[in-house]
Amino acid sequence: MKESQQGQNHLLAALESRQQEKLQPEVVEFARGAVIYEMGQPVQELYFPHNALVSLVSVMRDGRIAETGTVGREGYTGSEAVFADDDKATSRCLVQIAGKASKVPLGIVRGMLRDEHNLRDLLAAYAKAFLAQVLQSVACNATHSVEQRCARWLLMTHDRAEADTFELTQEFLAVMLGVRRASVNSVGSAFQKAGLIRYSRGRITILDRVGLAAASCECYDVVRRVFEQLLPYQEQQN
């Protein structure tokens, strides 16, 4: 198992140096709320987050949006375009937490897949793990309470944020969970009273990760195990 280093994208860090050079990654900085792809538009670059966190969202006719998946330093955006002839994005992709990412042209990646088997296997394994995350999210949204889903979402975000404190408004969290803001306010107040989190002026601090895990549904662990099986180089959380 190759040890992942803080501040790096795990997939890129798992590649050989020569492969990283061939990919020609360019480090970019994303502001929170930036839109990377729009549904139906061409995917020209893949983004490998370092400390940024990206959400894939579905947009309804009335303008409401709901999150369908998240991508952090464990993966990359645009996986739907890597192994298909169609390069169209299948959802809106926006930045949830500001930070850095490595930008790699889609054409370069596609050109390397035939000869660089470990690159192909890594990208395919992540695409499979990400699909498992999306499918589990569908089941989670249908069967679990807002409290459980909120705890799961906070745990997933904490895994990728590289810090106990990160920017997050209750309005944004409500949008990501597809629920009313009043529901998120109620859950957030309960979590604060229980000493699990602290929320102040659009910033949230994780105080008790173990307690938050106890409040979450099983979906967090289900997805986590899938990623550990398919991408065994991922660093383990304490």
C-alpha atoms as a PDB file:
ATOM      1  CA  MET A   1       0.000   0.000   0.000  1.00  0.00           C
ATOM      2  CA  LYS A   2       1.392   3.357  -0.978  1.00  0.00           C
ATOM      3  CA  GLU A   3       1.111   5.947   1.775  1.00  0.00           C
ATOM      4  CA  SER A   4      -0.970   8.976   0.853  1.00  0.00           C
ATOM      5  CA  GLN A   5       0.371  12.356   1.816  1.00  0.00           C
ATOM      6  CA  GLN A   6      -1.634  15.208   3.194  1.00  0.00           C
ATOM      7  CA  GLY A   7      -2.524  17.783   0.600  1.00  0.00           C
ATOM      8  CA  GLN A   8      -2.209  15.412  -2.369  1.00  0.00           C
ATOM      9  CA  ASN A   9      -4.780  13.718  -4.507  1.00  0.00           C
ATOM     10  CA  HIS A  10      -4.676  10.020  -3.632  1.00  0.00           C
ATOM     11  CA  LEU A  11      -5.054   8.763  -7.192  1.00  0.00           C
ATOM     12  CA  LEU A  12      -2.252  10.918  -8.564  1.00  0.00           C
ATOM     13  CA  ALA A  13      -0.023  10.060  -5.596  1.00  0.00           C
ATOM     14  CA  ALA A  14      -0.490   6.348  -6.356  1.00  0.00           C
ATOM     15  CA  LEU A  15       0.934   6.739  -9.883  1.00  0.00           C
ATOM     16  CA  GLU A  16       4.566   6.481 -10.904  1.00  0.00           C
ATOM     17  CA  SER A  17       6.467   9.753 -11.308  1.00  0.00           C
ATOM     18  CA  ARG A  18       6.795   9.303 -15.064  1.00  0.00           C
ATOM     19  CA  GLN A  19       3.032   8.809 -15.351  1.00  0.00           C
ATOM     20  CA  GLN A  20       2.349  11.929 -13.364  1.00  0.00           C
ATOM     21  CA  GLU A  21       4.635  13.865 -15.705  1.00  0.00           C
ATOM     22  CA  LYS A  22       2.860  12.482 -18.798  1.00  0.00           C
ATOM     23  CA  LEU A  23      -0.485  13.622 -17.429  1.00  0.00           C
ATOM     24  CA  GLN A  24       0.812  17.213 -17.290  1.00  0.00           C
ATOM     25  CA  PRO A  25      -1.309  18.156 -14.250  1.00  0.00           C
ATOM     26  CA  GLU A  26      -1.877  21.855 -13.632  1.00  0.00           C
ATOM     27  CA  VAL A  27      -2.769  22.899 -10.084  1.00  0.00           C
ATOM     28  CA  VAL A  28      -5.771  25.225  -9.954  1.00  0.00           C
ATOM     29  CA  GLU A  29      -7.586  26.959  -7.100  1.00  0.00           C
ATOM     30  CA  PHE A  30     -11.365  26.750  -6.837  1.00  0.00           C
ATOM     31  CA  ALA A  31     -13.655  29.146  -4.994  1.00  0.00           C
ATOM     32  CA  ARG A  32     -16.649  27.744  -3.137  1.00  0.00           C
ATOM     33  CA  GLY A  33     -19.675  27.541  -5.408  1.00  0.00           C
ATOM     34  CA  ALA A  34     -17.686  27.467  -8.666  1.00  0.00           C
ATOM     35  CA  VAL A  35     -19.330  25.340 -11.359  1.00  0.00           C
ATOM     36  CA  ILE A  36     -16.880  22.920 -12.990  1.00  0.00           C
ATOM     37  CA  TYR A  37     -19.268  21.209 -15.419  1.00  0.00           C
ATOM     38  CA  GLU A  38     -22.857  21.736 -16.453  1.00  0.00           C
ATOM     39  CA  MET A  39     -25.003  18.751 -17.373  1.00  0.00           C
ATOM     40  CA  GLY A  40     -24.857  18.032 -21.089  1.00  0.00           C
ATOM     41  CA  GLN A  41     -21.775  20.152 -21.732  1.00  0.00           C
ATOM     42  CA  PRO A  42     -18.477  18.613 -22.923  1.00  0.00           C
ATOM     43  CA  VAL A  43     -15.980  17.449 -20.313  1.00  0.00           C
ATOM     44  CA  GLN A  44     -12.632  18.789 -21.518  1.00  0.00           C
ATOM     45  CA  GLU A  45     -10.596  18.351 -18.349  1.00  0.00           C
ATOM     46  CA  LEU A  46     -10.608  16.015 -15.380  1.00  0.00           C
ATOM     47  CA  TYR A  47     -10.059  17.472 -11.928  1.00  0.00           C
ATOM     48  CA  PHE A  48      -8.252  15.605  -9.148  1.00  0.00           C
ATOM     49  CA  PRO A  49      -9.035  17.467  -5.881  1.00  0.00           C
ATOM     50  CA  HIS A  50      -6.337  18.006  -3.278  1.00  0.00           C
ATOM     51  CA  ASN A  51      -8.231  19.733  -0.492  1.00  0.00           C
ATOM     52  CA  ALA A  52     -11.225  20.966  -2.476  1.00  0.00           C
ATOM     53  CA  LEU A  53     -14.515  19.076  -2.201  1.00  0.00           C
ATOM     54  CA  VAL A  54     -16.778  18.802  -5.222  1.00  0.00           C
ATOM     55  CA  SER A  55     -20.475  17.903  -5.353  1.00  0.00           C
ATOM     56  CA  LEU A  56     -22.384  16.381  -8.235  1.00  0.00           C
ATOM     57  CA  VAL A  57     -25.949  17.657  -8.201  1.00  0.00           C
ATOM     58  CA  SER A  58     -29.163  17.099 -10.110  1.00  0.00           C
ATOM     59  CA  VAL A  59     -31.139  20.186 -11.085  1.00  0.00           C
ATOM     60  CA  MET A  60     -34.940  20.054 -11.117  1.00  0.00           C
ATOM     61  CA  ARG A  61     -37.165  22.013 -13.494  1.00  0.00           C
ATOM     62  CA  ASP A  62     -38.097  24.464 -10.734  1.00  0.00           C
ATOM     63  CA  GLY A  63     -34.430  25.196 -10.034  1.00  0.00           C
ATOM     64  CA  ARG A  64     -34.087  23.103  -6.894  1.00  0.00           C
ATOM     65  CA  ILE A  65     -30.959  20.967  -6.668  1.00  0.00           C
ATOM     66  CA  ALA A  66     -29.959  17.901  -4.676  1.00  0.00           C
ATOM     67  CA  GLU A  67     -26.596  16.248  -4.282  1.00  0.00           C
ATOM     68  CA  THR A  68     -26.045  12.838  -5.855  1.00  0.00           C
ATOM     69  CA  GLY A  69     -22.361  12.320  -5.022  1.00  0.00           C
ATOM     70  CA  THR A  70     -19.185  13.929  -3.708  1.00  0.00           C
ATOM     71  CA  VAL A  71     -15.593  13.869  -4.932  1.00  0.00           C
ATOM     72  CA  GLY A  72     -12.589  14.684  -2.782  1.00  0.00           C
ATOM     73  CA  ARG A  73      -8.898  13.852  -2.722  1.00  0.00           C
ATOM     74  CA  GLU A  74      -9.753  10.163  -3.108  1.00  0.00           C
ATOM     75  CA  GLY A  75     -10.890  10.569  -6.705  1.00  0.00           C
ATOM     76  CA  TYR A  76     -11.518  12.732  -9.743  1.00  0.00           C
ATOM     77  CA  THR A  77     -14.344  14.441 -11.603  1.00  0.00           C
ATOM     78  CA  GLY A  78     -15.530  13.556 -15.084  1.00  0.00           C
ATOM     79  CA  SER A  79     -15.274   9.786 -14.707  1.00  0.00           C
ATOM     80  CA  GLU A  80     -18.336   9.369 -16.941  1.00  0.00           C
ATOM     81  CA  ALA A  81     -16.336  10.710 -19.907  1.00  0.00           C
ATOM     82  CA  VAL A  82     -13.130   8.688 -19.498  1.00  0.00           C
ATOM     83  CA  PHE A  83     -14.287   5.294 -20.732  1.00  0.00           C
ATOM     84  CA  ALA A  84     -17.045   6.373 -23.120  1.00  0.00           C
ATOM     85  CA  ASP A  85     -17.112   7.913 -26.576  1.00  0.00           C
ATOM     86  CA  ASP A  86     -19.557  10.552 -25.325  1.00  0.00           C
ATOM     87  CA  ASP A  87     -17.764  13.293 -23.392  1.00  0.00           C
ATOM     88  CA  LYS A  88     -20.904  15.018 -22.075  1.00  0.00           C
ATOM     89  CA  ALA A  89     -21.231  15.673 -18.337  1.00  0.00           C
ATOM     90  CA  THR A  90     -24.099  13.761 -16.740  1.00  0.00           C
ATOM     91  CA  SER A  91     -24.741  16.290 -13.954  1.00  0.00           C
ATOM     92  CA  ARG A  92     -23.777  19.706 -12.678  1.00  0.00           C
ATOM     93  CA  CYS A  93     -20.475  19.606 -10.839  1.00  0.00           C
ATOM     94  CA  LEU A  94     -19.817  22.396  -8.330  1.00  0.00           C
ATOM     95  CA  VAL A  95     -17.275  23.165  -5.633  1.00  0.00           C
ATOM     96  CA  GLN A  96     -18.569  22.549  -2.137  1.00  0.00           C
ATOM     97  CA  ILE A  97     -15.406  23.439  -0.215  1.00  0.00           C
ATOM     98  CA  ALA A  98     -12.860  25.820  -1.734  1.00  0.00           C
ATOM     99  CA  GLY A  99      -9.377  24.504  -2.372  1.00  0.00           C
ATOM    100  CA  LYS A 100      -6.870  23.154  -4.879  1.00  0.00           C
ATOM    101  CA  ALA A 101      -7.142  20.500  -7.556  1.00  0.00           C
ATOM    102  CA  SER A 102      -4.990  19.162 -10.385  1.00  0.00           C
ATOM    103  CA  LYS A 103      -6.441  19.764 -13.853  1.00  0.00           C
ATOM    104  CA  VAL A 104      -5.619  17.168 -16.516  1.00  0.00           C
ATOM    105  CA  PRO A 105      -6.850  17.313 -20.142  1.00  0.00           C
ATOM    106  CA  LEU A 106      -9.279  14.493 -20.923  1.00  0.00           C
ATOM    107  CA  GLY A 107      -7.487  13.815 -24.230  1.00  0.00           C
ATOM    108  CA  ILE A 108      -4.189  13.085 -22.470  1.00  0.00           C
ATOM    109  CA  VAL A 109      -5.844  10.639 -20.086  1.00  0.00           C
ATOM    110  CA  ARG A 110      -7.630   8.811 -22.893  1.00  0.00           C
ATOM    111  CA  GLY A 111      -4.393   8.612 -24.865  1.00  0.00           C
ATOM    112  CA  MET A 112      -2.585   6.933 -21.959  1.00  0.00           C
ATOM    113  CA  LEU A 113      -5.215   4.312 -21.103  1.00  0.00           C
ATOM    114  CA  ARG A 114      -4.108   1.712 -23.689  1.00  0.00           C
ATOM    115  CA  ASP A 115      -0.480   1.474 -22.548  1.00  0.00           C
ATOM    116  CA  GLU A 116      -0.649   2.554 -18.907  1.00  0.00           C
ATOM    117  CA  HIS A 117      -2.603  -0.328 -17.418  1.00  0.00           C
ATOM    118  CA  ASN A 118      -2.304   0.712 -13.786  1.00  0.00           C
ATOM    119  CA  LEU A 119      -3.648   4.170 -14.633  1.00  0.00           C
ATOM    120  CA  ARG A 120      -6.593   2.574 -16.424  1.00  0.00           C
ATOM    121  CA  ASP A 121      -7.201   0.205 -13.505  1.00  0.00           C
ATOM    122  CA  LEU A 122      -7.040   3.013 -10.924  1.00  0.00           C
ATOM    123  CA  LEU A 123      -9.444   5.256 -12.809  1.00  0.00           C
ATOM    124  CA  ALA A 124     -11.829   2.365 -13.459  1.00  0.00           C
ATOM    125  CA  ALA A 125     -11.726   1.241  -9.823  1.00  0.00           C
ATOM    126  CA  TYR A 126     -12.569   4.752  -8.666  1.00  0.00           C
ATOM    127  CA  ALA A 127     -15.424   5.008 -11.175  1.00  0.00           C
ATOM    128  CA  LYS A 128     -16.854   1.760  -9.775  1.00  0.00           C
ATOM    129  CA  ALA A 129     -16.473   2.955  -6.177  1.00  0.00           C
ATOM    130  CA  PHE A 130     -18.081   6.284  -7.038  1.00  0.00           C
ATOM    131  CA  LEU A 131     -21.048   4.506  -8.629  1.00  0.00           C
ATOM    132  CA  ALA A 132     -21.440   2.503  -5.415  1.00  0.00           C
ATOM    133  CA  GLN A 133     -21.464   5.784  -3.468  1.00  0.00           C
ATOM    134  CA  VAL A 134     -24.193   7.226  -5.708  1.00  0.00           C
ATOM    135  CA  LEU A 135     -26.350   4.097  -5.501  1.00  0.00           C
ATOM    136  CA  GLN A 136     -26.001   3.944  -1.722  1.00  0.00           C
ATOM    137  CA  SER A 137     -26.994   7.610  -1.525  1.00  0.00           C
ATOM    138  CA  VAL A 138     -30.224   6.804  -3.372  1.00  0.00           C
ATOM    139  CA  ALA A 139     -31.045   4.094  -0.840  1.00  0.00           C
ATOM    140  CA  CYS A 140     -30.020   6.350   2.045  1.00  0.00           C
ATOM    141  CA  ASN A 141     -32.238   9.214   0.913  1.00  0.00           C
ATOM    142  CA  ALA A 142     -35.203   6.855   0.631  1.00  0.00           C
ATOM    143  CA  THR A 143     -34.861   5.042   3.946  1.00  0.00           C
ATOM    144  CA  HIS A 144     -33.013   7.115   6.547  1.00  0.00           C
ATOM    145  CA  SER A 145     -33.866  10.156   8.647  1.00  0.00           C
ATOM    146  CA  VAL A 146     -32.589  13.671   8.035  1.00  0.00           C
ATOM    147  CA  GLU A 147     -30.533  13.354  11.234  1.00  0.00           C
ATOM    148  CA  GLN A 148     -28.808  10.173  10.010  1.00  0.00           C
ATOM    149  CA  ARG A 149     -28.210  11.575   6.537  1.00  0.00           C
ATOM    150  CA  CYS A 150     -26.844  14.824   7.930  1.00  0.00           C
ATOM    151  CA  ALA A 151     -24.406  12.958  10.192  1.00  0.00           C
ATOM    152  CA  ARG A 152     -23.289  10.827   7.247  1.00  0.00           C
ATOM    153  CA  TRP A 153     -22.773  13.893   5.074  1.00  0.00           C
ATOM    154  CA  LEU A 154     -20.718  15.651   7.746  1.00  0.00           C
ATOM    155  CA  LEU A 155     -18.535  12.565   8.213  1.00  0.00           C
ATOM    156  CA  MET A 156     -17.876  12.302   4.477  1.00  0.00           C
ATOM    157  CA  THR A 157     -17.033  15.991   4.285  1.00  0.00           C
ATOM    158  CA  HIS A 158     -14.767  15.760   7.334  1.00  0.00           C
ATOM    159  CA  ASP A 159     -12.887  12.874   5.687  1.00  0.00           C
ATOM    160  CA  ARG A 160     -11.983  15.092   2.752  1.00  0.00           C
ATOM    161  CA  ALA A 161     -11.619  18.543   4.309  1.00  0.00           C
ATOM    162  CA  GLU A 162      -8.170  18.019   5.936  1.00  0.00           C
ATOM    163  CA  ALA A 163      -9.397  20.081   8.884  1.00  0.00           C
ATOM    164  CA  ASP A 164     -11.920  19.859  11.713  1.00  0.00           C
ATOM    165  CA  THR A 165     -13.331  23.267  10.734  1.00  0.00           C
ATOM    166  CA  PHE A 166     -14.658  24.113   7.279  1.00  0.00           C
ATOM    167  CA  GLU A 167     -17.035  26.588   5.652  1.00  0.00           C
ATOM    168  CA  LEU A 168     -20.620  25.394   5.481  1.00  0.00           C
ATOM    169  CA  THR A 169     -23.898  27.292   5.612  1.00  0.00           C
ATOM    170  CA  GLN A 170     -27.060  25.588   6.804  1.00  0.00           C
ATOM    171  CA  GLU A 171     -28.743  26.731   3.615  1.00  0.00           C
ATOM    172  CA  PHE A 172     -26.138  24.948   1.489  1.00  0.00           C
ATOM    173  CA  LEU A 173     -26.397  21.792   3.589  1.00  0.00           C
ATOM    174  CA  ALA A 174     -30.179  21.812   3.183  1.00  0.00           C
ATOM    175  CA  VAL A 175     -29.770  22.083  -0.584  1.00  0.00           C
ATOM    176  CA  MET A 176     -27.279  19.219  -0.662  1.00  0.00           C
ATOM    177  CA  LEU A 177     -29.574  16.983   1.381  1.00  0.00           C
ATOM    178  CA  GLY A 178     -32.679  18.038  -0.544  1.00  0.00           C
ATOM    179  CA  VAL A 179     -34.591  19.079   2.593  1.00  0.00           C
ATOM    180  CA  ARG A 180     -36.025  22.263   4.084  1.00  0.00           C
ATOM    181  CA  ARG A 181     -33.622  24.578   5.881  1.00  0.00           C
ATOM    182  CA  ALA A 182     -35.770  24.316   9.015  1.00  0.00           C
ATOM    183  CA  SER A 183     -35.016  20.586   9.137  1.00  0.00           C
ATOM    184  CA  VAL A 184     -31.275  21.224   8.957  1.00  0.00           C
ATOM    185  CA  ASN A 185     -31.540  23.947  11.604  1.00  0.00           C
ATOM    186  CA  SER A 186     -33.272  21.509  13.942  1.00  0.00           C
ATOM    187  CA  VAL A 187     -30.702  18.753  13.383  1.00  0.00           C
ATOM    188  CA  GLY A 188     -27.807  21.192  13.700  1.00  0.00           C
ATOM    189  CA  SER A 189     -29.121  22.497  17.015  1.00  0.00           C
ATOM    190  CA  ALA A 190     -29.483  18.949  18.323  1.00  0.00           C
ATOM    191  CA  PHE A 191     -25.946  18.064  17.247  1.00  0.00           C
ATOM    192  CA  GLN A 192     -24.580  21.191  18.940  1.00  0.00           C
ATOM    193  CA  LYS A 193     -26.416  20.448  22.205  1.00  0.00           C
ATOM    194  CA  ALA A 194     -24.992  16.920  22.102  1.00  0.00           C
ATOM    195  CA  GLY A 195     -21.466  18.330  21.676  1.00  0.00           C
ATOM    196  CA  LEU A 196     -20.955  16.745  18.265  1.00  0.00           C
ATOM    197  CA  ILE A 197     -20.371  19.952  16.306  1.00  0.00           C
ATOM    198  CA  ARG A 198     -20.001  23.698  16.719  1.00  0.00           C
ATOM    199  CA  TYR A 199     -21.571  26.034  14.181  1.00  0.00           C
ATOM    200  CA  SER A 200     -20.825  29.747  13.922  1.00  0.00           C
ATOM    201  CA  ARG A 201     -21.081  32.274  11.081  1.00  0.00           C
ATOM    202  CA  GLY A 202     -21.079  29.816   8.225  1.00  0.00           C
ATOM    203  CA  ARG A 203     -18.310  27.612   9.635  1.00  0.00           C
ATOM    204  CA  ILE A 204     -18.729  24.209  11.214  1.00  0.00           C
ATOM    205  CA  THR A 205     -16.308  22.404  13.531  1.00  0.00           C
ATOM    206  CA  ILE A 206     -16.427  18.656  14.114  1.00  0.00           C
ATOM    207  CA  LEU A 207     -16.002  18.162  17.871  1.00  0.00           C
ATOM    208  CA  ASP A 208     -16.938  14.502  18.383  1.00  0.00           C
ATOM    209  CA  ARG A 209     -16.404  12.300  15.341  1.00  0.00           C
ATOM    210  CA  VAL A 210     -17.203   9.104  17.245  1.00  0.00           C
ATOM    211  CA  GLY A 211     -20.520  10.548  18.407  1.00  0.00           C
ATOM    212  CA  LEU A 212     -21.293  11.753  14.905  1.00  0.00           C
ATOM    213  CA  ALA A 213     -20.605   8.253  13.554  1.00  0.00           C
ATOM    214  CA  ALA A 214     -23.039   6.839  16.119  1.00  0.00           C
ATOM    215  CA  ALA A 215     -25.710   9.257  14.887  1.00  0.00           C
ATOM    216  CA  SER A 216     -25.133   8.295  11.240  1.00  0.00           C
ATOM    217  CA  CYS A 217     -26.762   5.437   9.354  1.00  0.00           C
ATOM    218  CA  GLU A 218     -24.881   2.383   8.112  1.00  0.00           C
ATOM    219  CA  CYS A 219     -24.463   3.936   4.666  1.00  0.00           C
ATOM    220  CA  TYR A 220     -21.297   5.781   5.672  1.00  0.00           C
ATOM    221  CA  ASP A 221     -19.529   2.531   6.597  1.00  0.00           C
ATOM    222  CA  VAL A 222     -20.932   0.687   3.565  1.00  0.00           C
ATOM    223  CA  VAL A 223     -19.446   3.223   1.145  1.00  0.00           C
ATOM    224  CA  ARG A 224     -16.225   3.430   3.127  1.00  0.00           C
ATOM    225  CA  ARG A 225     -15.686  -0.322   2.891  1.00  0.00           C
ATOM    226  CA  VAL A 226     -16.263  -0.262  -0.867  1.00  0.00           C
ATOM    227  CA  PHE A 227     -13.599   2.418  -1.318  1.00  0.00           C
ATOM    228  CA  GLU A 228     -11.147   0.526   0.900  1.00  0.00           C
ATOM    229  CA  GLN A 229     -11.699  -2.687  -1.086  1.00  0.00           C
ATOM    230  CA  LEU A 230     -11.426  -1.135  -4.537  1.00  0.00           C
ATOM    231  CA  LEU A 231      -8.799   1.505  -3.713  1.00  0.00           C
ATOM    232  CA  PRO A 232      -6.659  -0.104  -0.979  1.00  0.00           C
ATOM    233  CA  TYR A 233      -4.043   2.643  -1.019  1.00  0.00           C
ATOM    234  CA  GLN A 234      -6.473   5.104   0.567  1.00  0.00           C
ATOM    235  CA  GLU A 235      -5.312   6.355   3.926  1.00  0.00           C
ATOM    236  CA  GLN A 236      -7.210   5.154   6.947  1.00  0.00           C
ATOM    237  CA  GLN A 237      -9.079   7.560   9.200  1.00  0.00           C
ATOM    238  CA  ASN A 238      -8.325   7.475  12.899  1.00  0.00           C
END
